[in-house]
Amino acid sequence: MKKTFIIAEAGSNHNRSLEQAFKLIDVAKESGCDAVKFQTYSSETLYVKGTRDPNTGADVSKMIKDIELPREWQKTLKSYSDEKGIEFMSTPFDEAAVQELVDIGVKRLKIAGFEATDPRIVKMVAKTQLPLIISLGIGSNIETIEQILDWVLEENSKPDLTFLHADPSTPTPYEDINLLQITKLLQYKSKIPFKAGLSDHTPGVLVPSLAVALGATVIEKHYTLSRKMKGPDHHFAIEPDELKQMVTNIRIAELCLGEKEGLYSKTEKKQYFFAMRSLVSKKAIKKGEQLTVDNVTTLRPYFEGAIPAAAYENLELYKAKVDIGENQIITWDQVQKT
């Protein structure tokens, strides 16, 4: 099975501390993730000036300004990630962010779920020709996907594309994650091929490994150094030990998804054939004598060349071609067809 690409989503959990951003990269690497991802946005280009939070009445632009990633950090964080041996990513939210990330040499770009409904954003990112990971936003359906595909194809005729199933609730209740959407994505006959994954906001670390079992090849999960920290994304993120456990669970899920080549796995054949039953002589059997229920039983062990217990149903088909002693495992070279 192809290895799952695991993205540790740092998002805004750097709290505008470069040292904290470095620690987040360290944690992602130590946990075994493939990439660490931040977000590149500015309050001036994200919300209309003066926008108020509909729930709290707070000034949204000020809130964004307090958590946005300083643009001058991007090259530094990319270099630090390179040194640590983990891929650096960031989600761009405006034209300048796209170009900045291309200029520092990112390998792929992510489009957030809310921005996936905006053809301007989708096209500007697709135009880079880099591999794309796109979260599906609120109310996404097949028509939404077709629309996004059209926008992408206007700029890139053969995109390397992954759609992430996502629910934007933070945290997402388990009953709302609807993981079978991943199966639907994979079964959908699209005009171009794409891969499927999960951007997960559920509590804990169980759901990503379930998604992998259903065919997800990309997993994205928010994490933090501590859920006790102040900021909008800390409370629902997983902590370092949980991130490491999530990666372990995903790698175990990958191992469990193998298929047998033939009837038996390597472990079954190597270790457990011995505990199967064979045909065994209940008493001495003379050369030429018919095998019957009176002179044959079934007992453990079984080894290669022995006659398996399944042949007990057809003893009348065989007779001894050599003398067989009492309490002996009967082998194929000791019998012949009657």
Protein backbone atom coordinates (compact mmCIF):
# COMPACT_ATOMS: atom_id res chain seq x y z
CA MET A 1 0.00 0.00 0.00
CA LYS A 2 1.12 3.54 -0.77
CA LYS A 3 2.30 5.42 2.30
CA THR A 4 -0.15 7.97 3.68
CA PHE A 5 1.07 11.57 3.46
CA ILE A 6 0.59 13.01 6.96
CA ILE A 7 0.42 16.80 7.39
CA ALA A 8 0.88 18.28 10.86
CA GLU A 9 -1.25 21.44 10.71
CA ALA A 10 0.44 24.09 12.87
CA GLY A 11 -1.85 26.80 11.48
CA SER A 12 -1.79 29.83 13.75
CA ASN A 13 -0.59 27.91 16.81
CA HIS A 14 2.81 29.60 16.60
CA ASN A 15 1.22 32.53 18.50
CA ARG A 16 3.52 34.86 16.55
CA SER A 17 6.56 33.42 18.33
CA LEU A 18 9.33 32.24 16.00
CA GLU A 19 10.73 30.03 18.75
CA GLN A 20 7.32 28.41 19.17
CA ALA A 21 7.09 27.89 15.40
CA PHE A 22 10.47 26.10 15.51
CA LYS A 23 9.22 23.88 18.34
CA LEU A 24 6.13 23.00 16.32
CA ILE A 25 8.35 21.92 13.43
CA ASP A 26 10.46 19.82 15.82
CA VAL A 27 7.35 18.11 17.19
CA ALA A 28 6.03 17.33 13.70
CA LYS A 29 9.35 15.78 12.71
CA GLU A 30 9.74 13.80 15.94
CA SER A 31 6.19 12.47 15.54
CA GLY A 32 6.97 11.02 12.12
CA CYS A 33 4.83 13.39 10.04
CA ASP A 34 5.70 13.98 6.39
CA ALA A 35 4.99 17.72 6.36
CA VAL A 36 4.39 20.62 8.70
CA LYS A 37 1.94 23.26 7.51
CA PHE A 38 1.34 26.86 8.49
CA GLN A 39 -1.09 29.40 6.98
CA THR A 40 -0.17 32.57 5.11
CA TYR A 41 -2.82 35.27 5.34
CA SER A 42 -3.17 38.94 6.26
CA SER A 43 -6.08 40.69 7.91
CA GLU A 44 -6.12 43.28 5.11
CA THR A 45 -6.72 40.64 2.40
CA LEU A 46 -8.89 38.16 4.25
CA TYR A 47 -11.91 40.07 5.61
CA VAL A 48 -13.59 43.32 4.74
CA LYS A 49 -12.33 45.99 7.11
CA GLY A 50 -14.63 46.45 10.11
CA THR A 51 -16.11 42.92 9.95
CA ARG A 52 -17.49 41.78 13.30
CA ASP A 53 -17.70 38.22 14.59
CA PRO A 54 -21.41 37.29 14.42
CA ASN A 55 -21.22 35.47 17.75
CA THR A 56 -19.04 37.74 19.87
CA GLY A 57 -19.13 41.07 18.06
CA ALA A 58 -15.32 41.19 18.13
CA ASP A 59 -13.38 42.95 15.39
CA VAL A 60 -12.37 40.09 13.09
CA SER A 61 -9.59 42.03 11.38
CA LYS A 62 -7.91 42.71 14.71
CA MET A 63 -8.21 39.05 15.69
CA ILE A 64 -6.59 37.99 12.40
CA LYS A 65 -3.83 40.56 12.82
CA ASP A 66 -3.02 39.07 16.24
CA ILE A 67 -2.48 35.54 14.85
CA GLU A 68 -1.25 36.02 11.28
CA LEU A 69 2.12 34.56 10.32
CA PRO A 70 4.75 37.25 9.73
CA ARG A 71 5.55 36.95 6.05
CA GLU A 72 9.29 37.33 6.64
CA TRP A 73 9.27 34.10 8.66
CA GLN A 74 8.35 31.90 5.72
CA LYS A 75 11.81 31.51 4.23
CA THR A 76 13.29 30.96 7.69
CA LEU A 77 10.72 28.29 8.57
CA LYS A 78 11.23 26.61 5.21
CA SER A 79 15.00 26.48 5.77
CA TYR A 80 14.56 25.17 9.31
CA SER A 81 12.17 22.47 8.07
CA ASP A 82 14.64 21.48 5.37
CA GLU A 83 17.37 21.12 7.99
CA LYS A 84 15.11 18.92 10.10
CA GLY A 85 14.14 16.75 7.14
CA ILE A 86 10.43 17.53 7.03
CA GLU A 87 8.51 19.19 4.19
CA PHE A 88 7.40 22.78 4.80
CA MET A 89 3.94 23.81 3.63
CA SER A 90 1.68 26.80 4.08
CA THR A 91 -1.85 27.52 2.87
CA PRO A 92 -1.94 30.76 0.85
CA PHE A 93 -4.94 33.08 1.13
CA ASP A 94 -3.97 35.83 -1.32
CA GLU A 95 -1.98 36.41 -4.52
CA ALA A 96 1.15 37.60 -2.71
CA ALA A 97 1.12 34.53 -0.47
CA VAL A 98 0.98 32.20 -3.47
CA GLN A 99 3.96 33.87 -5.10
CA GLU A 100 5.95 34.01 -1.86
CA LEU A 101 5.52 30.28 -1.31
CA VAL A 102 6.46 29.46 -4.89
CA ASP A 103 9.54 31.66 -4.58
CA ILE A 104 10.83 29.83 -1.48
CA GLY A 105 10.38 26.47 -3.21
CA VAL A 106 7.42 24.69 -1.61
CA LYS A 107 6.64 21.31 -3.20
CA ARG A 108 2.83 21.59 -3.10
CA LEU A 109 0.06 24.00 -2.16
CA LYS A 110 -3.11 23.63 -0.10
CA ILE A 111 -6.40 25.42 -0.66
CA ALA A 112 -8.56 25.81 2.43
CA GLY A 113 -12.18 24.67 2.38
CA PHE A 114 -13.75 28.12 2.46
CA GLU A 115 -11.42 29.36 -0.30
CA ALA A 116 -12.22 26.31 -2.47
CA THR A 117 -15.53 28.01 -3.33
CA ASP A 118 -13.70 31.00 -4.82
CA PRO A 119 -12.64 30.57 -8.48
CA ARG A 120 -10.16 33.44 -8.18
CA ILE A 121 -8.23 31.69 -5.40
CA VAL A 122 -8.45 28.23 -6.97
CA LYS A 123 -7.21 29.41 -10.34
CA MET A 124 -4.30 31.44 -8.95
CA VAL A 125 -3.08 28.42 -7.00
CA ALA A 126 -3.66 25.94 -9.87
CA LYS A 127 -1.70 28.21 -12.19
CA THR A 128 1.50 27.42 -10.27
CA GLN A 129 1.35 23.84 -11.71
CA LEU A 130 2.30 22.50 -8.28
CA PRO A 131 0.51 19.50 -6.76
CA LEU A 132 -2.72 20.67 -5.14
CA ILE A 133 -4.48 19.60 -1.97
CA ILE A 134 -7.97 21.05 -1.70
CA SER A 135 -10.25 20.82 1.32
CA LEU A 136 -13.92 20.57 0.45
CA GLY A 137 -15.87 23.30 2.19
CA ILE A 138 -19.32 23.62 3.70
CA GLY A 139 -22.06 21.94 1.66
CA SER A 140 -19.68 20.40 -0.87
CA ASN A 141 -21.24 17.88 -3.24
CA ILE A 142 -20.53 16.38 -6.65
CA GLU A 143 -21.54 19.63 -8.38
CA THR A 144 -19.08 21.53 -6.17
CA ILE A 145 -16.29 19.12 -7.06
CA GLU A 146 -17.05 19.41 -10.76
CA GLN A 147 -16.94 23.18 -10.49
CA ILE A 148 -13.57 23.12 -8.69
CA LEU A 149 -12.22 20.68 -11.30
CA ASP A 150 -13.26 23.05 -14.09
CA TRP A 151 -11.47 25.94 -12.41
CA VAL A 152 -8.32 23.86 -11.90
CA LEU A 153 -8.33 22.54 -15.47
CA GLU A 154 -8.48 26.07 -16.86
CA GLU A 155 -4.96 26.58 -15.49
CA ASN A 156 -3.50 23.05 -15.36
CA SER A 157 -4.54 20.32 -17.80
CA LYS A 158 -2.96 17.47 -15.86
CA PRO A 159 -3.07 18.40 -12.18
CA ASP A 160 -1.76 16.29 -9.32
CA LEU A 161 -4.85 16.74 -7.21
CA THR A 162 -6.09 15.54 -3.82
CA PHE A 163 -9.48 16.40 -2.35
CA LEU A 164 -9.76 16.32 1.44
CA HIS A 165 -13.08 15.46 3.00
CA ALA A 166 -13.58 17.93 5.85
CA ASP A 167 -16.07 19.26 8.34
CA PRO A 168 -15.13 22.79 9.46
CA SER A 169 -16.60 22.47 12.96
CA THR A 170 -13.90 22.74 15.62
CA PRO A 171 -14.13 20.25 17.11
CA THR A 172 -16.22 18.09 14.77
CA PRO A 173 -18.60 15.73 16.59
CA TYR A 174 -17.95 12.11 15.66
CA GLU A 175 -21.47 11.74 14.32
CA ASP A 176 -20.82 14.58 11.85
CA ILE A 177 -17.54 13.41 10.31
CA ASN A 178 -19.27 10.98 7.88
CA LEU A 179 -16.14 9.15 6.78
CA LEU A 180 -17.95 7.20 4.07
CA GLN A 181 -17.75 10.40 2.03
CA ILE A 182 -14.15 9.35 1.37
CA THR A 183 -15.41 6.13 -0.21
CA LYS A 184 -17.84 8.13 -2.34
CA LEU A 185 -15.03 10.39 -3.49
CA LEU A 186 -12.89 7.43 -4.49
CA GLN A 187 -15.77 5.79 -6.37
CA TYR A 188 -16.73 8.96 -8.22
CA LYS A 189 -15.96 8.77 -11.93
CA SER A 190 -14.33 12.12 -12.51
CA LYS A 191 -13.20 13.75 -15.75
CA ILE A 192 -9.66 13.55 -14.32
CA PRO A 193 -8.16 11.29 -11.64
CA PHE A 194 -7.70 12.61 -8.13
CA LYS A 195 -6.79 11.21 -4.71
CA ALA A 196 -8.83 11.51 -1.53
CA GLY A 197 -7.91 12.30 2.06
CA LEU A 198 -9.15 13.82 5.29
CA SER A 199 -8.70 17.16 7.01
CA ASP A 200 -9.71 16.10 10.51
CA HIS A 201 -11.11 18.27 13.29
CA THR A 202 -12.58 15.51 15.48
CA PRO A 203 -11.31 15.08 19.05
CA GLY A 204 -8.44 12.69 19.65
CA VAL A 205 -6.56 10.51 17.20
CA LEU A 206 -8.87 7.63 16.23
CA VAL A 207 -10.58 9.03 13.16
CA PRO A 208 -7.51 9.55 10.87
CA SER A 209 -6.57 5.85 10.98
CA LEU A 210 -10.19 4.93 10.17
CA ALA A 211 -10.00 7.27 7.18
CA VAL A 212 -6.85 5.53 5.97
CA ALA A 213 -8.65 2.20 6.22
CA LEU A 214 -11.29 3.67 3.90
CA GLY A 215 -8.70 4.74 1.32
CA ALA A 216 -7.49 8.19 2.41
CA THR A 217 -3.94 8.84 1.19
CA VAL A 218 -3.51 12.28 2.81
CA ILE A 219 -4.28 13.14 6.44
CA GLU A 220 -4.19 16.67 7.86
CA LYS A 221 -4.58 17.31 11.59
CA HIS A 222 -4.23 20.45 13.73
CA TYR A 223 -1.77 20.16 16.60
CA THR A 224 -0.41 22.39 19.35
CA LEU A 225 2.27 22.39 21.99
CA SER A 226 -0.51 22.67 24.60
CA ARG A 227 -4.28 23.04 24.47
CA LYS A 228 -3.97 25.42 27.43
CA MET A 229 -2.38 28.08 25.22
CA LYS A 230 -4.37 31.13 24.18
CA GLY A 231 -5.53 31.37 20.59
CA PRO A 232 -8.45 30.27 18.38
CA ASP A 233 -7.00 26.93 17.24
CA HIS A 234 -5.36 25.49 20.37
CA HIS A 235 -8.48 24.15 22.10
CA PHE A 236 -9.35 21.53 19.46
CA ALA A 237 -5.82 20.61 18.39
CA ILE A 238 -3.99 17.48 19.52
CA GLU A 239 -0.84 17.68 21.66
CA PRO A 240 2.63 16.25 20.84
CA ASP A 241 2.12 12.80 22.39
CA GLU A 242 -1.21 12.49 20.60
CA LEU A 243 0.31 13.50 17.28
CA LYS A 244 2.92 10.79 17.63
CA GLN A 245 0.21 8.25 18.51
CA MET A 246 -1.85 9.32 15.51
CA VAL A 247 1.06 8.69 13.17
CA THR A 248 1.66 5.29 14.77
CA ASN A 249 -2.02 4.39 14.36
CA ILE A 250 -1.96 5.37 10.69
CA ARG A 251 1.15 3.31 9.98
CA ILE A 252 -0.45 0.31 11.73
CA ALA A 253 -3.60 0.82 9.66
CA GLU A 254 -1.46 0.74 6.50
CA LEU A 255 0.09 -2.58 7.57
CA CYS A 256 -3.36 -4.04 8.23
CA LEU A 257 -4.56 -3.20 4.72
CA GLY A 258 -2.41 -5.75 2.90
CA GLU A 259 -3.86 -8.48 0.70
CA LYS A 260 -2.77 -12.12 0.66
CA GLU A 261 -0.97 -13.52 -2.34
CA GLY A 262 -2.46 -17.00 -2.35
CA LEU A 263 -4.28 -18.71 0.51
CA TYR A 264 -1.95 -17.91 3.36
CA SER A 265 0.03 -15.00 4.72
CA LYS A 266 3.76 -15.42 5.31
CA THR A 267 3.24 -15.57 9.06
CA GLU A 268 0.51 -18.21 8.80
CA LYS A 269 2.65 -20.47 6.66
CA LYS A 270 5.81 -20.02 8.67
CA GLN A 271 4.48 -20.24 12.23
CA TYR A 272 1.07 -21.86 12.32
CA PHE A 273 0.95 -24.70 9.80
CA PHE A 274 2.56 -26.79 12.55
CA ALA A 275 -0.63 -26.57 14.61
CA MET A 276 -2.86 -27.93 11.85
CA ARG A 277 -3.84 -31.61 11.77
CA SER A 278 -2.55 -34.42 9.55
CA LEU A 279 -3.62 -37.98 8.80
CA VAL A 280 -2.03 -40.24 11.43
CA SER A 281 -2.00 -44.05 11.63
CA LYS A 282 -3.99 -45.43 14.59
CA LYS A 283 -2.17 -48.76 14.17
CA ALA A 284 0.35 -50.30 11.83
CA ILE A 285 -0.77 -50.31 8.19
CA LYS A 286 0.65 -52.91 5.80
CA LYS A 287 1.77 -52.14 2.25
CA GLY A 288 -1.27 -52.37 -0.07
CA GLU A 289 -3.75 -51.95 2.78
CA GLN A 290 -6.65 -49.56 2.32
CA LEU A 291 -6.77 -46.43 4.51
CA THR A 292 -9.92 -46.47 6.62
CA VAL A 293 -11.45 -44.86 9.69
CA ASP A 294 -10.31 -47.96 11.60
CA ASN A 295 -6.61 -47.44 10.93
CA VAL A 296 -6.37 -43.66 10.43
CA THR A 297 -7.20 -40.65 12.62
CA THR A 298 -6.28 -36.94 12.58
CA LEU A 299 -3.81 -35.33 14.96
CA ARG A 300 -1.44 -32.40 15.12
CA PRO A 301 1.10 -31.42 13.83
CA TYR A 302 1.14 -30.76 10.11
CA PHE A 303 4.28 -30.25 8.06
CA GLU A 304 4.99 -29.90 4.36
CA GLY A 305 4.53 -33.26 2.62
CA ALA A 306 2.11 -34.63 5.22
CA ILE A 307 -1.44 -35.45 4.18
CA PRO A 308 -3.72 -32.75 5.64
CA ALA A 309 -6.71 -33.65 7.80
CA ALA A 310 -9.10 -32.55 5.05
CA ALA A 311 -8.25 -35.81 3.21
CA TYR A 312 -9.93 -37.81 6.01
CA GLU A 313 -13.22 -37.41 4.13
CA ASN A 314 -11.79 -39.37 1.21
CA LEU A 315 -9.78 -42.18 2.82
CA GLU A 316 -11.25 -44.71 0.38
CA LEU A 317 -9.20 -43.08 -2.38
CA TYR A 318 -5.87 -44.15 -0.86
CA LYS A 319 -3.93 -47.25 0.09
CA ALA A 320 -0.46 -47.68 1.58
CA LYS A 321 2.36 -48.24 -0.89
CA VAL A 322 4.82 -48.92 1.97
CA ASP A 323 4.49 -50.27 5.48
CA ILE A 324 3.42 -47.49 7.87
CA GLY A 325 4.10 -47.82 11.59
CA GLU A 326 1.61 -47.12 14.38
CA ASN A 327 1.15 -43.44 15.42
CA GLN A 328 2.95 -42.10 12.36
CA ILE A 329 2.12 -38.97 10.37
CA ILE A 330 1.21 -40.23 6.92
CA THR A 331 2.89 -38.48 4.02
CA TRP A 332 1.89 -38.30 0.38
CA ASP A 333 4.86 -40.42 -0.71
CA GLN A 334 3.58 -43.27 1.50
CA VAL A 335 0.25 -43.67 -0.30
CA GLN A 336 -1.12 -44.21 -3.75
CA LYS A 337 -4.54 -43.94 -5.35
CA THR A 338 -6.72 -47.04 -5.10
